[in-house]
Amino acid sequence: MKEDNGSGARTYIIVWVMLVALTAVTVGVYRLHLGTAGVAIALIIASLKAGVILIFFMHLRQESRFLQGVFLLPVLLIGAIIGFTFIDVWYR
């Protein structure tokens, strides 16, 4: 018996288009030469792409809320560390 978890070909095509679009946005930001702001924007876009991959391709969407929270806590901690590092570097 096949279980329908919403991971059909249509979902994967939409996710692929989303990843290609985010990559195009990253290239566009690079070509604008925004300096340090461009690096921050590129990191945010890369984080979004990683999140999309985790949610759809690693099936984190179908896991329990507890497991999602267990995964989310270290991601938020790493994001805070990177954010505070950027703040420290910008105000030196």
PDB file of N, CA and C in Angstrom:
ATOM      1  N   MET A   1       0.837  -1.176   0.000  1.00  0.00           N
ATOM      2  CA  MET A   1       0.000   0.000   0.000  1.00  0.00           C
ATOM      3  C   MET A   1       0.883   1.240   0.000  1.00  0.00           C
ATOM      4  N   LYS A   2       0.622   2.146  -0.899  1.00  0.00           N
ATOM      5  CA  LYS A   2       1.427   3.349  -1.042  1.00  0.00           C
ATOM      6  C   LYS A   2       0.879   4.450  -0.144  1.00  0.00           C
ATOM      7  N   GLU A   3       1.799   5.070   0.610  1.00  0.00           N
ATOM      8  CA  GLU A   3       1.404   6.162   1.485  1.00  0.00           C
ATOM      9  C   GLU A   3       1.659   7.488   0.781  1.00  0.00           C
ATOM     10  N   ASP A   4       0.662   8.360   0.739  1.00  0.00           N
ATOM     11  CA  ASP A   4       0.799   9.646   0.069  1.00  0.00           C
ATOM     12  C   ASP A   4       1.273  10.687   1.078  1.00  0.00           C
ATOM     13  N   ASN A   5       2.524  11.098   0.945  1.00  0.00           N
ATOM     14  CA  ASN A   5       3.057  12.105   1.854  1.00  0.00           C
ATOM     15  C   ASN A   5       3.282  13.439   1.151  1.00  0.00           C
ATOM     16  N   GLY A   6       2.730  13.622  -0.025  1.00  0.00           N
ATOM     17  CA  GLY A   6       2.834  14.887  -0.724  1.00  0.00           C
ATOM     18  C   GLY A   6       4.164  15.113  -1.406  1.00  0.00           C
ATOM     19  N   SER A   7       4.940  14.071  -1.630  1.00  0.00           N
ATOM     20  CA  SER A   7       6.256  14.214  -2.236  1.00  0.00           C
ATOM     21  C   SER A   7       6.245  13.723  -3.672  1.00  0.00           C
ATOM     22  N   GLY A   8       5.316  14.196  -4.444  1.00  0.00           N
ATOM     23  CA  GLY A   8       5.214  13.777  -5.830  1.00  0.00           C
ATOM     24  C   GLY A   8       6.176  14.550  -6.716  1.00  0.00           C
ATOM     25  N   ALA A   9       6.152  14.203  -7.985  1.00  0.00           N
ATOM     26  CA  ALA A   9       7.048  14.844  -8.946  1.00  0.00           C
ATOM     27  C   ALA A   9       6.763  16.343  -9.044  1.00  0.00           C
ATOM     28  N   ARG A  10       5.501  16.716  -8.943  1.00  0.00           N
ATOM     29  CA  ARG A  10       5.143  18.135  -9.034  1.00  0.00           C
ATOM     30  C   ARG A  10       5.794  18.940  -7.908  1.00  0.00           C
ATOM     31  N   THR A  11       5.790  18.391  -6.703  1.00  0.00           N
ATOM     32  CA  THR A  11       6.421  19.065  -5.567  1.00  0.00           C
ATOM     33  C   THR A  11       7.904  19.248  -5.803  1.00  0.00           C
ATOM     34  N   TYR A  12       8.573  18.195  -6.304  1.00  0.00           N
ATOM     35  CA  TYR A  12      10.007  18.288  -6.533  1.00  0.00           C
ATOM     36  C   TYR A  12      10.338  19.275  -7.648  1.00  0.00           C
ATOM     37  N   ILE A  13       9.495  19.371  -8.652  1.00  0.00           N
ATOM     38  CA  ILE A  13       9.725  20.341  -9.726  1.00  0.00           C
ATOM     39  C   ILE A  13       9.571  21.760  -9.197  1.00  0.00           C
ATOM     40  N   ILE A  14       8.572  21.997  -8.368  1.00  0.00           N
ATOM     41  CA  ILE A  14       8.375  23.323  -7.779  1.00  0.00           C
ATOM     42  C   ILE A  14       9.557  23.693  -6.899  1.00  0.00           C
ATOM     43  N   VAL A  15      10.032  22.743  -6.100  1.00  0.00           N
ATOM     44  CA  VAL A  15      11.185  22.997  -5.239  1.00  0.00           C
ATOM     45  C   VAL A  15      12.422  23.278  -6.085  1.00  0.00           C
ATOM     46  N   TRP A  16      12.601  22.535  -7.173  1.00  0.00           N
ATOM     47  CA  TRP A  16      13.745  22.764  -8.050  1.00  0.00           C
ATOM     48  C   TRP A  16      13.691  24.160  -8.653  1.00  0.00           C
ATOM     49  N   VAL A  17      12.513  24.575  -9.111  1.00  0.00           N
ATOM     50  CA  VAL A  17      12.354  25.918  -9.681  1.00  0.00           C
ATOM     51  C   VAL A  17      12.664  26.969  -8.615  1.00  0.00           C
ATOM     52  N   MET A  18      12.227  26.736  -7.382  1.00  0.00           N
ATOM     53  CA  MET A  18      12.500  27.667  -6.300  1.00  0.00           C
ATOM     54  C   MET A  18      14.005  27.772  -6.035  1.00  0.00           C
ATOM     55  N   LEU A  19      14.704  26.647  -6.045  1.00  0.00           N
ATOM     56  CA  LEU A  19      16.150  26.666  -5.820  1.00  0.00           C
ATOM     57  C   LEU A  19      16.881  27.364  -6.969  1.00  0.00           C
ATOM     58  N   VAL A  20      16.439  27.139  -8.185  1.00  0.00           N
ATOM     59  CA  VAL A  20      17.053  27.820  -9.335  1.00  0.00           C
ATOM     60  C   VAL A  20      16.803  29.318  -9.240  1.00  0.00           C
ATOM     61  N   ALA A  21      15.607  29.714  -8.854  1.00  0.00           N
ATOM     62  CA  ALA A  21      15.288  31.135  -8.723  1.00  0.00           C
ATOM     63  C   ALA A  21      16.138  31.785  -7.627  1.00  0.00           C
ATOM     64  N   LEU A  22      16.292  31.112  -6.502  1.00  0.00           N
ATOM     65  CA  LEU A  22      17.133  31.659  -5.431  1.00  0.00           C
ATOM     66  C   LEU A  22      18.590  31.757  -5.861  1.00  0.00           C
ATOM     67  N   THR A  23      19.048  30.805  -6.663  1.00  0.00           N
ATOM     68  CA  THR A  23      20.409  30.878  -7.189  1.00  0.00           C
ATOM     69  C   THR A  23      20.547  32.072  -8.128  1.00  0.00           C
ATOM     70  N   ALA A  24      19.544  32.313  -8.953  1.00  0.00           N
ATOM     71  CA  ALA A  24      19.570  33.468  -9.851  1.00  0.00           C
ATOM     72  C   ALA A  24      19.585  34.775  -9.054  1.00  0.00           C
ATOM     73  N   VAL A  25      18.840  34.828  -7.967  1.00  0.00           N
ATOM     74  CA  VAL A  25      18.853  36.019  -7.111  1.00  0.00           C
ATOM     75  C   VAL A  25      20.236  36.209  -6.496  1.00  0.00           C
ATOM     76  N   THR A  26      20.869  35.124  -6.081  1.00  0.00           N
ATOM     77  CA  THR A  26      22.217  35.213  -5.525  1.00  0.00           C
ATOM     78  C   THR A  26      23.196  35.776  -6.556  1.00  0.00           C
ATOM     79  N   VAL A  27      23.121  35.300  -7.777  1.00  0.00           N
ATOM     80  CA  VAL A  27      23.992  35.808  -8.840  1.00  0.00           C
ATOM     81  C   VAL A  27      23.687  37.283  -9.102  1.00  0.00           C
ATOM     82  N   GLY A  28      22.414  37.652  -9.091  1.00  0.00           N
ATOM     83  CA  GLY A  28      22.042  39.058  -9.289  1.00  0.00           C
ATOM     84  C   GLY A  28      22.589  39.957  -8.194  1.00  0.00           C
ATOM     85  N   VAL A  29      22.530  39.502  -6.957  1.00  0.00           N
ATOM     86  CA  VAL A  29      23.081  40.278  -5.839  1.00  0.00           C
ATOM     87  C   VAL A  29      24.592  40.411  -5.986  1.00  0.00           C
ATOM     88  N   TYR A  30      25.246  39.350  -6.447  1.00  0.00           N
ATOM     89  CA  TYR A  30      26.692  39.400  -6.648  1.00  0.00           C
ATOM     90  C   TYR A  30      27.052  40.454  -7.697  1.00  0.00           C
ATOM     91  N   ARG A  31      26.274  40.536  -8.747  1.00  0.00           N
ATOM     92  CA  ARG A  31      26.566  41.477  -9.835  1.00  0.00           C
ATOM     93  C   ARG A  31      26.268  42.931  -9.462  1.00  0.00           C
ATOM     94  N   LEU A  32      25.533  43.163  -8.381  1.00  0.00           N
ATOM     95  CA  LEU A  32      25.247  44.524  -7.933  1.00  0.00           C
ATOM     96  C   LEU A  32      26.412  45.147  -7.165  1.00  0.00           C
ATOM     97  N   HIS A  33      27.366  44.323  -6.723  1.00  0.00           N
ATOM     98  CA  HIS A  33      28.552  44.794  -5.982  1.00  0.00           C
ATOM     99  C   HIS A  33      28.143  45.614  -4.760  1.00  0.00           C
ATOM    100  N   LEU A  34      27.446  44.984  -3.833  1.00  0.00           N
ATOM    101  CA  LEU A  34      26.942  45.661  -2.644  1.00  0.00           C
ATOM    102  C   LEU A  34      27.919  45.651  -1.473  1.00  0.00           C
ATOM    103  N   GLY A  35      29.075  45.068  -1.642  1.00  0.00           N
ATOM    104  CA  GLY A  35      30.067  45.036  -0.567  1.00  0.00           C
ATOM    105  C   GLY A  35      29.669  44.058   0.529  1.00  0.00           C
ATOM    106  N   THR A  36      29.808  44.505   1.784  1.00  0.00           N
ATOM    107  CA  THR A  36      29.499  43.614   2.907  1.00  0.00           C
ATOM    108  C   THR A  36      28.006  43.304   2.995  1.00  0.00           C
ATOM    109  N   ALA A  37      27.161  44.218   2.547  1.00  0.00           N
ATOM    110  CA  ALA A  37      25.721  43.943   2.547  1.00  0.00           C
ATOM    111  C   ALA A  37      25.406  42.809   1.579  1.00  0.00           C
ATOM    112  N   GLY A  38      26.141  42.740   0.474  1.00  0.00           N
ATOM    113  CA  GLY A  38      25.953  41.655  -0.485  1.00  0.00           C
ATOM    114  C   GLY A  38      26.291  40.307   0.118  1.00  0.00           C
ATOM    115  N   VAL A  39      27.313  40.277   0.976  1.00  0.00           N
ATOM    116  CA  VAL A  39      27.679  39.030   1.650  1.00  0.00           C
ATOM    117  C   VAL A  39      26.562  38.606   2.588  1.00  0.00           C
ATOM    118  N   ALA A  40      26.017  39.542   3.341  1.00  0.00           N
ATOM    119  CA  ALA A  40      24.930  39.227   4.262  1.00  0.00           C
ATOM    120  C   ALA A  40      23.694  38.735   3.505  1.00  0.00           C
ATOM    121  N   ILE A  41      23.377  39.390   2.395  1.00  0.00           N
ATOM    122  CA  ILE A  41      22.228  38.974   1.589  1.00  0.00           C
ATOM    123  C   ILE A  41      22.457  37.585   1.005  1.00  0.00           C
ATOM    124  N   ALA A  42      23.681  37.328   0.528  1.00  0.00           N
ATOM    125  CA  ALA A  42      23.999  36.005  -0.022  1.00  0.00           C
ATOM    126  C   ALA A  42      23.890  34.921   1.047  1.00  0.00           C
ATOM    127  N   LEU A  43      24.299  35.220   2.282  1.00  0.00           N
ATOM    128  CA  LEU A  43      24.168  34.246   3.364  1.00  0.00           C
ATOM    129  C   LEU A  43      22.705  33.978   3.704  1.00  0.00           C
ATOM    130  N   ILE A  44      21.891  35.008   3.658  1.00  0.00           N
ATOM    131  CA  ILE A  44      20.457  34.823   3.926  1.00  0.00           C
ATOM    132  C   ILE A  44      19.827  33.953   2.838  1.00  0.00           C
ATOM    133  N   ILE A  45      20.180  34.218   1.582  1.00  0.00           N
ATOM    134  CA  ILE A  45      19.641  33.422   0.482  1.00  0.00           C
ATOM    135  C   ILE A  45      20.127  31.979   0.585  1.00  0.00           C
ATOM    136  N   ALA A  46      21.401  31.787   0.940  1.00  0.00           N
ATOM    137  CA  ALA A  46      21.929  30.426   1.103  1.00  0.00           C
ATOM    138  C   ALA A  46      21.211  29.704   2.237  1.00  0.00           C
ATOM    139  N   SER A  47      20.877  30.419   3.296  1.00  0.00           N
ATOM    140  CA  SER A  47      20.135  29.810   4.401  1.00  0.00           C
ATOM    141  C   SER A  47      18.732  29.404   3.960  1.00  0.00           C
ATOM    142  N   LEU A  48      18.098  30.236   3.152  1.00  0.00           N
ATOM    143  CA  LEU A  48      16.778  29.887   2.620  1.00  0.00           C
ATOM    144  C   LEU A  48      16.852  28.631   1.756  1.00  0.00           C
ATOM    145  N   LYS A  49      17.875  28.554   0.908  1.00  0.00           N
ATOM    146  CA  LYS A  49      18.031  27.378   0.056  1.00  0.00           C
ATOM    147  C   LYS A  49      18.284  26.125   0.899  1.00  0.00           C
ATOM    148  N   ALA A  50      19.103  26.252   1.929  1.00  0.00           N
ATOM    149  CA  ALA A  50      19.351  25.103   2.809  1.00  0.00           C
ATOM    150  C   ALA A  50      18.068  24.681   3.517  1.00  0.00           C
ATOM    151  N   GLY A  51      17.263  25.658   3.930  1.00  0.00           N
ATOM    152  CA  GLY A  51      15.997  25.340   4.566  1.00  0.00           C
ATOM    153  C   GLY A  51      15.043  24.608   3.642  1.00  0.00           C
ATOM    154  N   VAL A  52      14.985  25.046   2.387  1.00  0.00           N
ATOM    155  CA  VAL A  52      14.128  24.379   1.408  1.00  0.00           C
ATOM    156  C   VAL A  52      14.580  22.934   1.206  1.00  0.00           C
ATOM    157  N   ILE A  53      15.885  22.732   1.116  1.00  0.00           N
ATOM    158  CA  ILE A  53      16.412  21.373   0.952  1.00  0.00           C
ATOM    159  C   ILE A  53      16.081  20.513   2.157  1.00  0.00           C
ATOM    160  N   LEU A  54      16.247  21.061   3.346  1.00  0.00           N
ATOM    161  CA  LEU A  54      15.936  20.298   4.560  1.00  0.00           C
ATOM    162  C   LEU A  54      14.460  19.947   4.648  1.00  0.00           C
ATOM    163  N   ILE A  55      13.613  20.899   4.333  1.00  0.00           N
ATOM    164  CA  ILE A  55      12.172  20.673   4.468  1.00  0.00           C
ATOM    165  C   ILE A  55      11.663  19.644   3.468  1.00  0.00           C
ATOM    166  N   PHE A  56      12.083  19.762   2.214  1.00  0.00           N
ATOM    167  CA  PHE A  56      11.501  18.912   1.180  1.00  0.00           C
ATOM    168  C   PHE A  56      12.315  17.656   0.885  1.00  0.00           C
ATOM    169  N   PHE A  57      13.624  17.804   0.644  1.00  0.00           N
ATOM    170  CA  PHE A  57      14.404  16.652   0.225  1.00  0.00           C
ATOM    171  C   PHE A  57      14.814  15.752   1.390  1.00  0.00           C
ATOM    172  N   MET A  58      14.927  16.324   2.583  1.00  0.00           N
ATOM    173  CA  MET A  58      15.254  15.507   3.747  1.00  0.00           C
ATOM    174  C   MET A  58      14.001  15.186   4.569  1.00  0.00           C
ATOM    175  N   HIS A  59      12.846  15.565   4.042  1.00  0.00           N
ATOM    176  CA  HIS A  59      11.530  15.212   4.599  1.00  0.00           C
ATOM    177  C   HIS A  59      11.344  15.665   6.043  1.00  0.00           C
ATOM    178  N   LEU A  60      11.928  16.791   6.401  1.00  0.00           N
ATOM    179  CA  LEU A  60      11.735  17.327   7.743  1.00  0.00           C
ATOM    180  C   LEU A  60      10.294  17.803   7.935  1.00  0.00           C
ATOM    181  N   ARG A  61       9.625  18.089   6.841  1.00  0.00           N
ATOM    182  CA  ARG A  61       8.233  18.538   6.897  1.00  0.00           C
ATOM    183  C   ARG A  61       7.321  17.461   7.484  1.00  0.00           C
ATOM    184  N   GLN A  62       7.627  16.196   7.236  1.00  0.00           N
ATOM    185  CA  GLN A  62       6.766  15.120   7.717  1.00  0.00           C
ATOM    186  C   GLN A  62       7.127  14.625   9.119  1.00  0.00           C
ATOM    187  N   GLU A  63       8.170  15.173   9.717  1.00  0.00           N
ATOM    188  CA  GLU A  63       8.581  14.721  11.043  1.00  0.00           C
ATOM    189  C   GLU A  63       7.737  15.391  12.129  1.00  0.00           C
ATOM    190  N   SER A  64       7.870  14.891  13.340  1.00  0.00           N
ATOM    191  CA  SER A  64       7.107  15.440  14.462  1.00  0.00           C
ATOM    192  C   SER A  64       7.619  16.834  14.818  1.00  0.00           C
ATOM    193  N   ARG A  65       6.779  17.581  15.501  1.00  0.00           N
ATOM    194  CA  ARG A  65       7.152  18.946  15.915  1.00  0.00           C
ATOM    195  C   ARG A  65       8.374  18.910  16.835  1.00  0.00           C
ATOM    196  N   PHE A  66       8.478  17.892  17.667  1.00  0.00           N
ATOM    197  CA  PHE A  66       9.620  17.785  18.576  1.00  0.00           C
ATOM    198  C   PHE A  66      10.922  17.673  17.792  1.00  0.00           C
ATOM    199  N   LEU A  67      10.953  16.806  16.789  1.00  0.00           N
ATOM    200  CA  LEU A  67      12.163  16.622  15.997  1.00  0.00           C
ATOM    201  C   LEU A  67      12.476  17.886  15.195  1.00  0.00           C
ATOM    202  N   GLN A  68      11.467  18.567  14.709  1.00  0.00           N
ATOM    203  CA  GLN A  68      11.699  19.828  14.007  1.00  0.00           C
ATOM    204  C   GLN A  68      12.305  20.861  14.955  1.00  0.00           C
ATOM    205  N   GLY A  69      11.801  20.912  16.181  1.00  0.00           N
ATOM    206  CA  GLY A  69      12.346  21.839  17.173  1.00  0.00           C
ATOM    207  C   GLY A  69      13.760  21.493  17.574  1.00  0.00           C
ATOM    208  N   VAL A  70      14.037  20.194  17.713  1.00  0.00           N
ATOM    209  CA  VAL A  70      15.387  19.750  18.056  1.00  0.00           C
ATOM    210  C   VAL A  70      16.359  20.157  16.951  1.00  0.00           C
ATOM    211  N   PHE A  71      15.923  20.110  15.715  1.00  0.00           N
ATOM    212  CA  PHE A  71      16.781  20.522  14.612  1.00  0.00           C
ATOM    213  C   PHE A  71      16.899  22.042  14.541  1.00  0.00           C
ATOM    214  N   LEU A  72      15.814  22.754  14.818  1.00  0.00           N
ATOM    215  CA  LEU A  72      15.782  24.198  14.656  1.00  0.00           C
ATOM    216  C   LEU A  72      16.642  24.930  15.685  1.00  0.00           C
ATOM    217  N   LEU A  73      16.736  24.410  16.883  1.00  0.00           N
ATOM    218  CA  LEU A  73      17.493  25.079  17.940  1.00  0.00           C
ATOM    219  C   LEU A  73      18.964  25.295  17.570  1.00  0.00           C
ATOM    220  N   PRO A  74      19.707  24.280  17.127  1.00  0.00           N
ATOM    221  CA  PRO A  74      21.095  24.544  16.731  1.00  0.00           C
ATOM    222  C   PRO A  74      21.217  25.468  15.519  1.00  0.00           C
ATOM    223  N   VAL A  75      20.252  25.395  14.608  1.00  0.00           N
ATOM    224  CA  VAL A  75      20.292  26.282  13.440  1.00  0.00           C
ATOM    225  C   VAL A  75      20.152  27.731  13.892  1.00  0.00           C
ATOM    226  N   LEU A  76      19.239  28.002  14.812  1.00  0.00           N
ATOM    227  CA  LEU A  76      19.078  29.355  15.333  1.00  0.00           C
ATOM    228  C   LEU A  76      20.323  29.806  16.098  1.00  0.00           C
ATOM    229  N   LEU A  77      20.927  28.910  16.845  1.00  0.00           N
ATOM    230  CA  LEU A  77      22.147  29.236  17.582  1.00  0.00           C
ATOM    231  C   LEU A  77      23.286  29.599  16.634  1.00  0.00           C
ATOM    232  N   ILE A  78      23.470  28.823  15.586  1.00  0.00           N
ATOM    233  CA  ILE A  78      24.515  29.127  14.603  1.00  0.00           C
ATOM    234  C   ILE A  78      24.213  30.451  13.903  1.00  0.00           C
ATOM    235  N   GLY A  79      22.941  30.692  13.587  1.00  0.00           N
ATOM    236  CA  GLY A  79      22.559  31.959  12.973  1.00  0.00           C
ATOM    237  C   GLY A  79      22.857  33.146  13.881  1.00  0.00           C
ATOM    238  N   ALA A  80      22.598  32.984  15.180  1.00  0.00           N
ATOM    239  CA  ALA A  80      22.897  34.058  16.129  1.00  0.00           C
ATOM    240  C   ALA A  80      24.399  34.298  16.223  1.00  0.00           C
ATOM    241  N   ILE A  81      25.187  33.246  16.244  1.00  0.00           N
ATOM    242  CA  ILE A  81      26.644  33.387  16.312  1.00  0.00           C
ATOM    243  C   ILE A  81      27.160  34.115  15.076  1.00  0.00           C
ATOM    244  N   ILE A  82      26.693  33.719  13.898  1.00  0.00           N
ATOM    245  CA  ILE A  82      27.118  34.388  12.662  1.00  0.00           C
ATOM    246  C   ILE A  82      26.648  35.837  12.663  1.00  0.00           C
ATOM    247  N   GLY A  83      25.425  36.079  13.107  1.00  0.00           N
ATOM    248  CA  GLY A  83      24.907  37.444  13.151  1.00  0.00           C
ATOM    249  C   GLY A  83      25.700  38.333  14.083  1.00  0.00           C
ATOM    250  N   PHE A  84      26.017  37.841  15.282  1.00  0.00           N
ATOM    251  CA  PHE A  84      26.816  38.632  16.219  1.00  0.00           C
ATOM    252  C   PHE A  84      28.229  38.855  15.704  1.00  0.00           C
ATOM    253  N   THR A  85      28.761  37.894  14.957  1.00  0.00           N
ATOM    254  CA  THR A  85      30.084  38.084  14.353  1.00  0.00           C
ATOM    255  C   THR A  85      30.035  39.199  13.327  1.00  0.00           C
ATOM    256  N   PHE A  86      28.986  39.235  12.500  1.00  0.00           N
ATOM    257  CA  PHE A  86      28.846  40.320  11.533  1.00  0.00           C
ATOM    258  C   PHE A  86      28.718  41.661  12.228  1.00  0.00           C
ATOM    259  N   ILE A  87      27.936  41.712  13.291  1.00  0.00           N
ATOM    260  CA  ILE A  87      27.774  42.977  14.024  1.00  0.00           C
ATOM    261  C   ILE A  87      29.111  43.431  14.590  1.00  0.00           C
ATOM    262  N   ASP A  88      29.876  42.515  15.145  1.00  0.00           N
ATOM    263  CA  ASP A  88      31.185  42.858  15.716  1.00  0.00           C
ATOM    264  C   ASP A  88      32.138  43.372  14.635  1.00  0.00           C
ATOM    265  N   VAL A  89      32.152  42.729  13.484  1.00  0.00           N
ATOM    266  CA  VAL A  89      33.050  43.155  12.411  1.00  0.00           C
ATOM    267  C   VAL A  89      32.621  44.505  11.837  1.00  0.00           C
ATOM    268  N   TRP A  90      31.312  44.743  11.689  1.00  0.00           N
ATOM    269  CA  TRP A  90      30.838  45.989  11.102  1.00  0.00           C
ATOM    270  C   TRP A  90      31.125  47.201  11.991  1.00  0.00           C
ATOM    271  N   TYR A  91      31.130  47.004  13.317  1.00  0.00           N
ATOM    272  CA  TYR A  91      31.316  48.146  14.234  1.00  0.00           C
ATOM    273  C   TYR A  91      32.724  48.245  14.785  1.00  0.00           C
ATOM    274  N   ARG A  92      33.695  47.682  14.123  1.00  0.00           N
ATOM    275  CA  ARG A  92      35.091  47.839  14.552  1.00  0.00           C
ATOM    276  C   ARG A  92      35.695  49.023  13.904  1.00  0.00           C
TER     277      ARG A  92
END
